[in-house]
Protein backbone atom coordinates (compact mmCIF):
# COMPACT_ATOMS: atom_id res chain seq x y z
CA MET A 1 -114.78 6.61 -46.77
CA GLN A 2 -118.20 8.10 -46.05
CA PRO A 3 -119.69 9.94 -49.08
CA THR A 4 -119.80 13.73 -48.79
CA ASN A 5 -120.27 16.73 -51.02
CA LEU A 6 -117.19 17.90 -52.93
CA LEU A 7 -115.95 21.47 -53.36
CA LEU A 8 -113.09 21.95 -55.82
CA ILE A 9 -111.60 25.46 -55.72
CA ASN A 10 -109.27 26.25 -58.57
CA ALA A 11 -106.92 29.21 -59.00
CA ASP A 12 -105.01 30.25 -62.10
CA GLN A 13 -101.24 30.79 -62.01
CA HIS A 14 -100.81 30.51 -58.23
CA SER A 15 -97.30 29.66 -57.09
CA THR A 16 -96.73 27.77 -53.85
CA ARG A 17 -93.92 30.26 -53.20
CA VAL A 18 -96.55 32.97 -52.58
CA LEU A 19 -98.83 31.34 -50.04
CA GLY A 20 -98.54 31.61 -46.29
CA ALA A 21 -99.29 27.95 -45.60
CA TYR A 22 -96.34 27.03 -47.83
CA GLY A 23 -93.90 29.11 -45.83
CA ASN A 24 -94.10 32.61 -47.25
CA PRO A 25 -93.97 34.93 -44.20
CA VAL A 26 -95.09 38.08 -46.02
CA VAL A 27 -98.10 37.24 -48.18
CA ARG A 28 -101.50 37.57 -46.50
CA THR A 29 -103.60 34.47 -47.21
CA PRO A 30 -105.58 33.84 -44.01
CA ASN A 31 -108.39 31.88 -45.67
CA LEU A 32 -106.18 29.43 -47.54
CA ASP A 33 -103.89 29.15 -44.52
CA GLY A 34 -106.92 28.33 -42.39
CA LEU A 35 -108.02 25.69 -44.89
CA ALA A 36 -104.57 24.09 -44.72
CA ALA A 37 -104.63 24.19 -40.91
CA ARG A 38 -107.83 22.14 -40.78
CA GLY A 39 -106.74 19.77 -43.53
CA THR A 40 -103.68 18.32 -45.23
CA ARG A 41 -101.18 20.32 -47.25
CA PHE A 42 -99.07 18.50 -49.82
CA VAL A 43 -95.62 20.09 -49.89
CA ASP A 44 -94.78 18.77 -53.35
CA GLY A 45 -97.82 19.38 -55.55
CA TYR A 46 -97.39 19.54 -59.33
CA CYS A 47 -99.44 20.30 -62.39
CA PRO A 48 -99.13 17.93 -65.39
CA TYR A 49 -98.48 20.77 -67.86
CA PRO A 50 -97.52 24.37 -66.94
CA LEU A 51 -100.10 26.01 -69.20
CA CYS A 52 -103.84 26.55 -68.73
CA VAL A 53 -105.69 24.48 -71.32
CA PRO A 54 -103.78 21.17 -71.21
CA SER A 55 -103.50 21.30 -67.42
CA ARG A 56 -107.24 21.81 -67.06
CA ALA A 57 -107.94 18.93 -69.46
CA SER A 58 -105.86 16.69 -67.20
CA LEU A 59 -107.61 17.96 -64.08
CA ALA A 60 -110.94 17.03 -65.64
CA THR A 61 -109.93 13.57 -66.88
CA GLY A 62 -107.14 12.38 -64.59
CA ARG A 63 -104.98 11.66 -67.65
CA TYR A 64 -101.75 13.16 -68.92
CA PRO A 65 -102.04 15.77 -71.69
CA HIS A 66 -100.28 13.60 -74.29
CA ALA A 67 -102.85 10.83 -73.69
CA LEU A 68 -105.55 13.39 -74.50
CA GLU A 69 -103.54 14.93 -77.37
CA SER A 70 -104.04 18.25 -75.60
CA TRP A 71 -100.83 19.67 -77.01
CA ASP A 72 -101.24 23.37 -76.29
CA ASN A 73 -103.77 26.11 -75.63
CA MET A 74 -105.32 25.57 -79.04
CA LYS A 75 -106.30 21.95 -78.30
CA PRO A 76 -108.88 22.29 -75.50
CA TYR A 77 -110.92 19.53 -73.92
CA THR A 78 -114.18 18.62 -75.65
CA GLY A 79 -115.32 15.52 -73.76
CA ALA A 80 -114.51 13.11 -76.59
CA GLU A 81 -110.87 12.50 -75.59
CA ALA A 82 -111.67 10.72 -72.32
CA ALA A 83 -114.36 10.83 -69.68
CA SER A 84 -114.21 13.58 -67.08
CA TRP A 85 -115.00 13.20 -63.42
CA GLY A 86 -118.12 15.16 -64.33
CA HIS A 87 -119.21 12.29 -66.57
CA ARG A 88 -118.69 9.79 -63.78
CA LEU A 89 -120.73 11.79 -61.28
CA THR A 90 -123.60 12.84 -63.53
CA GLU A 91 -124.12 9.36 -64.96
CA GLN A 92 -124.52 8.11 -61.37
CA GLY A 93 -127.05 10.76 -60.42
CA HIS A 94 -124.87 13.33 -58.67
CA ARG A 95 -125.36 17.01 -59.34
CA VAL A 96 -122.29 18.75 -60.80
CA THR A 97 -122.04 22.52 -61.12
CA THR A 98 -119.11 24.62 -62.35
CA ILE A 99 -118.69 28.34 -61.81
CA GLY A 100 -115.97 30.30 -63.59
CA LYS A 101 -113.03 29.46 -65.81
CA LEU A 102 -112.92 26.02 -67.43
CA HIS A 103 -110.98 26.75 -70.64
CA TYR A 104 -112.50 23.87 -72.58
CA ARG A 105 -113.66 24.24 -76.19
CA ARG A 106 -117.27 25.37 -75.79
CA PRO A 107 -120.15 25.03 -73.30
CA GLU A 108 -122.27 22.83 -75.54
CA ASP A 109 -119.61 20.12 -75.86
CA PRO A 110 -120.33 16.87 -73.94
CA SER A 111 -117.67 17.56 -71.32
CA GLY A 112 -119.63 16.00 -68.46
CA PHE A 113 -120.32 19.42 -66.93
CA PRO A 114 -123.88 20.31 -67.98
CA ASP A 115 -124.40 23.12 -65.46
CA GLN A 116 -121.72 25.68 -66.36
CA ARG A 117 -122.23 29.13 -64.87
CA ILE A 118 -120.43 32.20 -66.30
CA PRO A 119 -117.88 29.85 -67.91
CA MET A 120 -114.73 30.98 -69.66
CA HIS A 121 -113.60 28.89 -72.63
CA VAL A 122 -111.01 29.16 -75.40
CA VAL A 123 -112.05 31.77 -77.97
CA HIS A 124 -111.56 31.95 -81.76
CA LEU A 125 -110.00 28.52 -81.74
CA GLU A 126 -110.18 27.97 -85.50
CA VAL A 127 -108.07 30.97 -86.47
CA ASN A 128 -105.77 31.59 -83.52
CA VAL A 129 -102.86 29.34 -84.51
CA TYR A 130 -100.08 31.92 -84.22
CA SER A 131 -98.69 30.45 -81.00
CA GLN A 132 -98.35 27.04 -82.67
CA LEU A 133 -95.39 28.41 -84.62
CA ARG A 134 -93.54 27.89 -81.34
CA ALA A 135 -89.83 28.67 -81.91
CA ARG A 136 -90.65 30.30 -85.27
CA MET A 137 -92.96 32.84 -83.63
CA PRO A 138 -91.45 36.35 -83.67
CA PRO A 139 -90.99 37.99 -80.27
CA ILE A 140 -94.14 39.39 -78.69
CA ASP A 141 -94.28 42.15 -76.12
CA GLN A 142 -94.69 40.62 -72.69
CA ARG A 143 -92.61 43.33 -71.04
CA GLN A 144 -95.65 45.51 -70.62
CA PHE A 145 -97.13 43.11 -68.08
CA VAL A 146 -94.14 43.73 -65.80
CA LEU A 147 -93.77 47.42 -66.57
CA GLY A 148 -97.53 48.01 -66.24
CA ALA A 149 -97.95 46.36 -62.84
CA GLY A 150 -99.96 48.55 -60.53
CA PRO A 151 -103.33 49.51 -59.03
CA GLY A 152 -106.64 49.31 -60.83
CA GLU A 153 -109.58 47.15 -61.83
CA SER A 154 -109.59 44.74 -64.74
CA GLU A 155 -112.30 42.55 -66.16
CA TYR A 156 -110.57 39.71 -64.34
CA THR A 157 -111.06 41.27 -60.89
CA ARG A 158 -114.72 41.87 -61.74
CA TYR A 159 -115.01 38.32 -63.06
CA ASP A 160 -113.60 36.74 -59.91
CA ARG A 161 -115.96 38.74 -57.72
CA ALA A 162 -118.86 37.50 -59.85
CA ILE A 163 -117.60 33.91 -59.53
CA ALA A 164 -117.47 34.23 -55.75
CA ALA A 165 -120.95 35.78 -55.65
CA GLU A 166 -122.47 32.98 -57.72
CA ALA A 167 -120.74 30.37 -55.54
CA GLU A 168 -122.10 32.06 -52.43
CA ARG A 169 -125.59 32.03 -53.91
CA PHE A 170 -125.35 28.37 -54.91
CA LEU A 171 -124.15 27.27 -51.50
CA ARG A 172 -126.72 29.27 -49.56
CA GLU A 173 -129.73 28.72 -51.83
CA GLU A 174 -129.24 25.53 -53.85
CA ALA A 175 -126.81 23.18 -52.14
CA GLY A 176 -129.14 21.84 -49.47
CA GLY A 177 -131.80 19.21 -49.84
CA HIS A 178 -130.21 16.95 -52.46
CA GLY A 179 -130.68 13.22 -52.17
CA ARG A 180 -127.10 12.52 -53.22
CA PRO A 181 -123.86 14.38 -52.58
CA TRP A 182 -123.09 17.10 -55.09
CA ALA A 183 -119.85 18.48 -56.59
CA LEU A 184 -119.15 22.18 -57.08
CA HIS A 185 -116.13 23.41 -59.06
CA VAL A 186 -115.37 27.08 -58.35
CA SER A 187 -112.64 28.24 -60.71
CA PHE A 188 -111.09 31.68 -60.26
CA ILE A 189 -108.77 33.44 -62.70
CA HIS A 190 -106.48 35.19 -60.19
CA PRO A 191 -103.57 35.59 -59.76
CA HIS A 192 -103.28 35.29 -63.55
CA LEU A 193 -101.89 38.42 -65.15
CA PRO A 194 -102.37 41.29 -65.95
CA LEU A 195 -100.61 42.49 -62.81
CA ILE A 196 -103.43 44.92 -62.08
CA VAL A 197 -105.05 44.79 -58.67
CA PRO A 198 -107.32 47.07 -56.62
CA ALA A 199 -105.33 49.70 -54.75
CA GLU A 200 -106.41 48.57 -51.29
CA TYR A 201 -104.71 45.23 -51.85
CA LEU A 202 -101.57 46.72 -53.35
CA ALA A 203 -101.27 49.00 -50.32
CA LEU A 204 -100.71 45.93 -48.14
CA TYR A 205 -97.27 45.30 -49.64
CA ASP A 206 -94.13 47.38 -49.54
CA PRO A 207 -92.04 46.24 -52.53
CA ALA A 208 -88.83 46.92 -50.60
CA THR A 209 -89.68 44.23 -48.03
CA LEU A 210 -90.15 41.35 -50.47
CA THR A 211 -87.50 38.65 -50.78
CA MET A 212 -86.07 38.52 -54.27
CA PRO A 213 -86.31 35.15 -56.02
CA ALA A 214 -83.50 32.78 -56.91
CA GLN A 215 -81.26 33.78 -59.83
CA TRP A 216 -83.11 36.99 -60.60
CA ARG A 217 -79.93 38.87 -61.48
CA PRO A 218 -78.99 38.55 -65.18
CA GLU A 219 -75.49 37.33 -64.37
CA GLU A 220 -77.11 34.42 -62.48
CA TRP A 221 -79.61 33.43 -65.16
CA PRO A 222 -79.30 29.75 -66.15
CA ARG A 223 -78.37 29.47 -69.79
CA HIS A 224 -80.07 26.82 -71.87
CA PRO A 225 -81.38 27.08 -75.46
CA ALA A 226 -84.99 26.52 -74.34
CA LEU A 227 -84.79 29.11 -71.55
CA ASP A 228 -83.01 31.65 -73.75
CA LEU A 229 -85.68 31.18 -76.41
CA LYS A 230 -88.47 31.75 -73.89
CA ARG A 231 -86.90 35.00 -72.72
CA ARG A 232 -86.27 36.17 -76.27
CA SER A 233 -89.74 35.17 -77.54
CA GLY A 234 -91.40 37.24 -74.84
CA SER A 235 -89.09 40.23 -75.25
CA LEU A 236 -87.90 39.50 -71.72
CA ASP A 237 -84.22 38.97 -72.49
CA GLU A 238 -83.43 42.59 -71.55
CA PRO A 239 -83.20 42.56 -67.74
CA PHE A 240 -85.50 44.61 -65.54
CA ASP A 241 -84.00 46.64 -62.75
CA GLU A 242 -84.67 45.62 -59.17
CA PRO A 243 -87.32 48.28 -58.38
CA THR A 244 -89.35 47.20 -61.43
CA ILE A 245 -89.22 43.55 -60.40
CA ARG A 246 -90.21 44.43 -56.85
CA ARG A 247 -93.24 46.43 -58.06
CA ALA A 248 -94.38 43.51 -60.18
CA MET A 249 -93.87 41.11 -57.28
CA ALA A 250 -95.91 43.36 -54.99
CA ALA A 251 -98.75 43.39 -57.50
CA TYR A 252 -98.68 39.59 -57.72
CA TYR A 253 -98.68 39.27 -53.92
CA ALA A 254 -101.65 41.64 -53.80
CA MET A 255 -103.46 39.58 -56.43
CA VAL A 256 -102.96 36.46 -54.31
CA THR A 257 -104.52 38.27 -51.35
CA PHE A 258 -107.41 39.36 -53.58
CA LEU A 259 -107.85 35.71 -54.57
CA ASP A 260 -107.72 34.64 -50.92
CA ASP A 261 -110.55 37.04 -50.13
CA GLN A 262 -112.71 35.47 -52.85
CA VAL A 263 -111.89 31.98 -51.55
CA GLY A 264 -112.86 33.18 -48.08
CA ARG A 265 -116.27 34.25 -49.36
CA VAL A 266 -116.89 30.76 -50.70
CA LEU A 267 -115.72 29.01 -47.52
CA ARG A 268 -117.85 31.29 -45.32
CA ALA A 269 -120.89 30.57 -47.48
CA LEU A 270 -120.23 26.85 -47.07
CA ASP A 271 -120.14 27.34 -43.28
CA ASP A 272 -123.21 29.59 -43.27
CA ALA A 273 -125.14 26.89 -45.11
CA GLY A 274 -124.14 24.35 -42.47
CA LEU A 275 -122.29 22.22 -45.01
CA ARG A 276 -118.74 22.21 -43.67
CA GLU A 277 -119.07 18.88 -41.85
CA ASN A 278 -120.46 17.18 -44.95
CA THR A 279 -118.12 18.55 -47.62
CA ARG A 280 -114.59 17.63 -48.67
CA ILE A 281 -112.54 20.40 -50.24
CA ILE A 282 -109.67 20.47 -52.73
CA TYR A 283 -107.72 23.65 -53.43
CA THR A 284 -105.24 23.79 -56.30
CA ALA A 285 -104.12 25.79 -59.34
CA ASP A 286 -103.62 24.94 -63.00
CA HIS A 287 -99.94 26.00 -62.84
CA GLY A 288 -97.64 28.36 -61.01
CA GLU A 289 -95.86 31.66 -61.71
CA THR A 290 -92.08 32.01 -62.06
CA LEU A 291 -92.13 35.71 -61.06
CA ALA A 292 -88.55 36.60 -62.14
CA ALA A 293 -86.93 33.49 -60.63
CA HIS A 294 -84.16 32.18 -62.93
CA GLY A 295 -84.67 35.24 -65.13
CA LEU A 296 -88.09 33.93 -66.21
CA TRP A 297 -91.69 35.13 -65.95
CA TRP A 298 -95.11 33.49 -66.10
CA LYS A 299 -95.14 29.70 -66.63
CA GLU A 300 -94.16 27.36 -69.56
CA ASN A 301 -91.08 25.96 -67.81
CA MET A 302 -90.28 23.16 -65.38
CA TYR A 303 -88.87 25.12 -62.46
CA GLN A 304 -90.72 24.63 -59.18
CA GLU A 305 -92.23 28.12 -59.33
CA SER A 306 -93.94 27.25 -62.64
CA VAL A 307 -94.79 23.55 -62.47
CA GLY A 308 -95.40 23.41 -58.72
CA VAL A 309 -98.95 24.09 -57.49
CA PRO A 310 -100.69 24.27 -54.12
CA LEU A 311 -102.62 21.11 -53.27
CA ILE A 312 -104.65 21.31 -50.07
CA VAL A 313 -107.43 18.93 -49.02
CA ALA A 314 -109.77 19.23 -46.06
CA GLY A 315 -112.98 17.75 -44.72
CA PRO A 316 -114.25 14.59 -43.05
CA ASP A 317 -111.65 11.82 -42.67
CA ILE A 318 -108.82 14.17 -43.77
CA PRO A 319 -106.00 14.56 -41.22
CA GLU A 320 -106.01 18.04 -39.70
CA GLY A 321 -102.86 20.13 -39.73
CA LYS A 322 -100.93 17.48 -41.61
CA VAL A 323 -98.04 18.38 -43.90
CA SER A 324 -97.61 15.54 -46.37
CA ARG A 325 -94.35 15.05 -48.24
CA THR A 326 -95.82 12.51 -50.63
CA PRO A 327 -95.48 14.08 -54.10
CA VAL A 328 -98.85 14.56 -55.82
CA ASN A 329 -100.14 15.69 -59.20
CA ALA A 330 -103.39 17.32 -60.25
CA ILE A 331 -104.30 14.07 -62.01
CA ASP A 332 -104.83 12.67 -58.51
CA ALA A 333 -107.99 14.81 -58.22
CA PHE A 334 -110.13 12.64 -60.55
CA PRO A 335 -110.19 9.50 -58.38
CA ALA A 336 -110.47 11.67 -55.25
CA ILE A 337 -113.58 13.49 -56.50
CA VAL A 338 -115.31 10.32 -57.66
CA GLU A 339 -114.56 8.60 -54.36
CA ALA A 340 -115.57 11.58 -52.21
CA VAL A 341 -119.19 11.69 -53.35
CA GLY A 342 -119.60 7.91 -53.21
CA ALA A 343 -119.58 7.32 -56.96
CA LYS A 344 -117.72 4.48 -58.66
CA LEU A 345 -114.94 4.47 -61.22
CA ALA A 346 -115.78 2.83 -64.54
CA PRO A 347 -113.87 -0.16 -65.95
CA GLU A 348 -112.17 2.13 -68.47
CA ASP A 349 -110.70 4.10 -65.56
CA ALA A 350 -108.53 1.15 -64.54
CA ASP A 351 -105.49 2.63 -66.30
CA LEU A 352 -105.73 6.08 -64.72
CA PRO A 353 -102.21 7.08 -63.62
CA GLY A 354 -103.29 8.92 -60.47
CA ARG A 355 -104.44 7.99 -56.97
CA SER A 356 -107.00 9.69 -54.74
CA LEU A 357 -105.65 12.77 -52.99
CA PHE A 358 -107.82 11.92 -50.00
CA ARG A 359 -106.33 8.45 -49.68
CA LEU A 360 -102.82 9.84 -50.09
CA ALA A 361 -103.52 12.34 -47.31
CA GLN A 362 -104.44 9.49 -44.98
CA GLU A 363 -101.31 7.42 -45.74
CA PRO A 364 -97.77 7.80 -44.39
CA ASP A 365 -95.43 9.80 -46.60
CA HIS A 366 -93.89 7.85 -49.45
CA ASP A 367 -92.09 8.50 -52.73
CA ARG A 368 -93.94 8.68 -56.03
CA THR A 369 -92.75 9.48 -59.53
CA ILE A 370 -94.36 12.69 -60.81
CA PHE A 371 -94.59 13.59 -64.50
CA ALA A 372 -95.18 16.82 -66.43
CA GLU A 373 -94.78 17.90 -70.05
CA TYR A 374 -94.85 20.98 -72.29
CA HIS A 375 -95.31 21.36 -76.08
CA GLY A 376 -96.57 24.93 -76.36
CA HIS A 377 -95.53 28.34 -77.57
CA MET A 378 -91.99 29.61 -77.03
CA SER A 379 -90.54 26.09 -76.86
CA PRO A 380 -88.02 24.66 -79.34
CA SER A 381 -88.94 21.04 -78.57
CA GLY A 382 -90.97 18.87 -76.27
CA ILE A 383 -90.10 19.38 -72.60
CA PHE A 384 -90.66 16.59 -70.08
CA MET A 385 -90.17 16.50 -66.32
CA ILE A 386 -89.76 13.68 -63.85
CA ARG A 387 -89.74 14.24 -60.09
CA ASP A 388 -88.39 11.12 -58.44
CA GLY A 389 -87.30 11.19 -54.82
CA ARG A 390 -84.83 13.98 -54.30
CA TYR A 391 -84.21 14.51 -58.01
CA LYS A 392 -85.93 16.49 -60.70
CA TYR A 393 -85.03 15.60 -64.28
CA VAL A 394 -85.97 17.83 -67.21
CA HIS A 395 -85.68 16.25 -70.65
CA TYR A 396 -85.59 18.53 -73.70
CA VAL A 397 -85.96 16.61 -76.95
CA GLY A 398 -82.80 17.22 -78.96
CA LEU A 399 -81.21 19.44 -76.29
CA ASP A 400 -79.19 18.98 -73.12
CA PRO A 401 -81.12 17.91 -70.01
CA GLN A 402 -81.28 19.38 -66.54
CA LEU A 403 -80.97 17.49 -63.26
CA PHE A 404 -81.54 19.06 -59.84
CA ASP A 405 -81.10 17.67 -56.34
CA LEU A 406 -84.09 19.26 -54.62
CA GLU A 407 -82.94 18.30 -51.15
CA ALA A 408 -79.53 19.94 -51.45
CA ASP A 409 -80.64 22.66 -53.87
CA PRO A 410 -84.36 23.48 -53.45
CA ASP A 411 -83.99 26.66 -55.53
CA GLU A 412 -82.68 24.65 -58.52
CA THR A 413 -79.57 26.72 -59.11
CA GLN A 414 -77.16 23.88 -59.91
CA ASN A 415 -77.73 21.74 -63.00
CA LEU A 416 -76.05 18.39 -62.27
CA ALA A 417 -76.81 16.69 -65.57
CA ALA A 418 -73.24 16.93 -66.89
CA ASP A 419 -71.61 15.91 -63.60
CA PRO A 420 -70.27 12.32 -63.85
CA ALA A 421 -71.04 11.79 -60.18
CA TYR A 422 -74.74 11.98 -61.01
CA ALA A 423 -74.70 9.79 -64.13
CA ASP A 424 -76.61 6.99 -62.41
CA ALA A 425 -79.29 9.35 -61.09
CA LEU A 426 -79.64 10.87 -64.55
CA ALA A 427 -80.03 7.45 -66.17
CA GLN A 428 -82.55 6.30 -63.59
CA CYS A 429 -84.69 9.39 -64.07
CA ASP A 430 -84.54 9.01 -67.85
CA ALA A 431 -85.64 5.38 -67.53
CA LYS A 432 -88.60 6.39 -65.35
CA LEU A 433 -89.59 9.01 -67.92
CA ARG A 434 -89.53 6.41 -70.70
CA ALA A 435 -91.60 4.05 -68.59
CA ILE A 436 -94.36 6.66 -68.78
CA CYS A 437 -93.97 7.78 -72.40
CA ASP A 438 -91.71 7.95 -75.44
CA PRO A 439 -90.71 11.63 -75.40
CA GLU A 440 -89.40 11.68 -78.97
CA ASP A 441 -92.58 10.10 -80.34
CA ILE A 442 -94.79 12.48 -78.37
CA ASP A 443 -92.74 15.43 -79.60
CA ARG A 444 -93.28 14.28 -83.20
CA ARG A 445 -97.01 13.88 -82.68
CA ALA A 446 -97.38 17.33 -81.12
CA ARG A 447 -95.40 19.01 -83.88
CA ALA A 448 -97.38 17.20 -86.58
CA PHE A 449 -100.69 18.36 -85.13
CA GLN A 450 -99.51 21.93 -84.80
CA GLN A 451 -98.03 22.06 -88.29
CA ALA A 452 -101.22 20.62 -89.78
CA ARG A 453 -103.21 23.47 -88.24
CA ILE A 454 -100.69 26.01 -89.52
CA ASP A 455 -100.84 24.50 -93.02
CA ALA A 456 -104.63 24.61 -92.94
CA ARG A 457 -104.39 28.36 -92.40
CA GLY A 458 -102.08 28.82 -95.40
CA GLY A 459 -98.68 27.96 -93.91
CA ASP A 460 -96.13 29.88 -91.88
CA ALA A 461 -96.18 33.01 -94.03
CA ALA A 462 -99.95 33.40 -93.83
CA VAL A 463 -100.04 32.81 -90.09
CA LEU A 464 -97.20 35.27 -89.52
CA ALA A 465 -98.96 37.85 -91.65
CA ALA A 466 -102.18 37.45 -89.70
CA GLY A 467 -100.39 37.80 -86.37
CA LEU A 468 -101.79 36.93 -82.97
CA LEU A 469 -105.49 37.36 -83.62
CA VAL A 470 -106.64 36.78 -80.03
CA LYS A 471 -104.72 38.75 -77.45
CA TYR A 472 -106.37 37.35 -74.33
CA THR A 473 -109.31 35.26 -73.21
CA PRO A 474 -111.98 37.79 -72.29
CA ALA A 475 -114.16 37.33 -69.27
CA PRO A 476 -117.77 36.41 -70.08
CA ASP A 477 -120.01 39.34 -70.99
CA ALA A 478 -122.88 37.94 -68.99
CA PHE A 479 -121.89 39.45 -65.68
CA ASP A 480 -120.30 42.77 -66.69
CA PRO A 481 -120.24 44.08 -70.26
CA ALA A 482 -118.33 47.22 -69.33
CA PRO A 483 -115.30 47.85 -71.54
CA VAL A 484 -111.85 47.39 -70.12
CA ALA A 485 -109.08 49.92 -70.68
CA ALA A 486 -106.41 48.73 -73.09
CA ARG A 487 -103.62 49.13 -70.51
CA GLU A 488 -105.27 46.60 -68.28
CA ILE A 489 -104.83 43.59 -70.53
CA GLU A 490 -103.95 44.21 -74.16
CA VAL A 491 -100.50 44.66 -75.65
CA ALA A 492 -99.19 45.73 -78.99
CA GLY A 493 -98.05 42.69 -80.90
CA GLY A 494 -99.69 40.10 -78.67
CA SER A 495 -99.81 38.82 -75.14
CA ILE A 496 -99.73 35.64 -73.11
CA ALA A 497 -102.99 36.34 -71.34
CA ASP A 498 -104.77 33.90 -73.67
CA SER A 499 -103.51 31.12 -71.41
């Protein structure tokens, strides 16, 4: 594979269900659809953890979150856990630049990314342990994100425009003339909530025309202790009426189109600089968005809407217009990025669990076992997922599992785990999970870390009394210090926008 530059474009909370190239006939995503048309789209892309911080640590290192001990949003990547692809490139003389959201610990950490522009990282890490109470955390008001969906500007829309502008400037003014291929990571925050979007984008969507998601009606909601806890913890167990859901969906669709416009700015700048023919591109997201499917919102679950992510690759040597059915994971980006620029993996990378996305795009479709996990807020126990062939297996430590046949039931409406006819499939999936990790041991380790942080802050009572001290991750002040109206992001009693 001939070395080229590498452009990694990252979104936040983008579901494959709301992307034209993935079959949605309503959403307007011409730039991402065009990227898919001139490259390869992986139908079954997954994140390793449906929450921002651990997923981004895995994207950086090519390793599963439990191997990094990145248990939740309060255990961000520092660079000490394992080498990042940034380390591999910079130590071999390649320029690496990041623009936008990283969600690591702090810029000065040795993460392997020395040139971080308007970065977003985890804030007030030492004191914000409230979410580590998990099932013991009192309900917080997430309803306002659905009820407050509508037109407007937020600091996140301003931030993403600034990210796109800096990427344009880099590509047009700095990207040429390097002796070795470079890597640029452009990381947007849309379509992450709040569901606030400029009016001109919202006007593109009539809520009445949108297709309602699977199991959105309360009488259809799947009942499981972990899912019931998630609804209850977010004050989302009281159903929304259909018009409210449709308004929120329209806002999310509009946010995806806003994101697509920012991606288009970056891709046009790449073309204007004459770099298209010498640059490979990866587009993905850190996790998806459930968007009322199965009576759930946001992420933090193992349904396809949440754990599935877009994965599109394009550039030299990448098949054009290909739709690959080989399952892939964001951990497959590490070896792809290192390979793309002509760098070499280190001996300590020999045990990386992923394979190069670019190589997988070139190969015939084949089955792979895909893994994901979750140990964060609103969960009663560790949650583990295996995608193996037609089956998806969800293992809840101490609770009943779920098993879905994705070929017969792509919307995951029928849990087959208790059906004797699927006992062999269930056992095989469980064995493949245990070949990757010991879920009970990992659950113990995650809980011990979280409880130690709670105890260091005075125990449950003290943490509960302090409440959720950080309500969201603010955009960097560097580009726009203007205050943001409270309705745009904040909520009484807490939010989930810190992820």
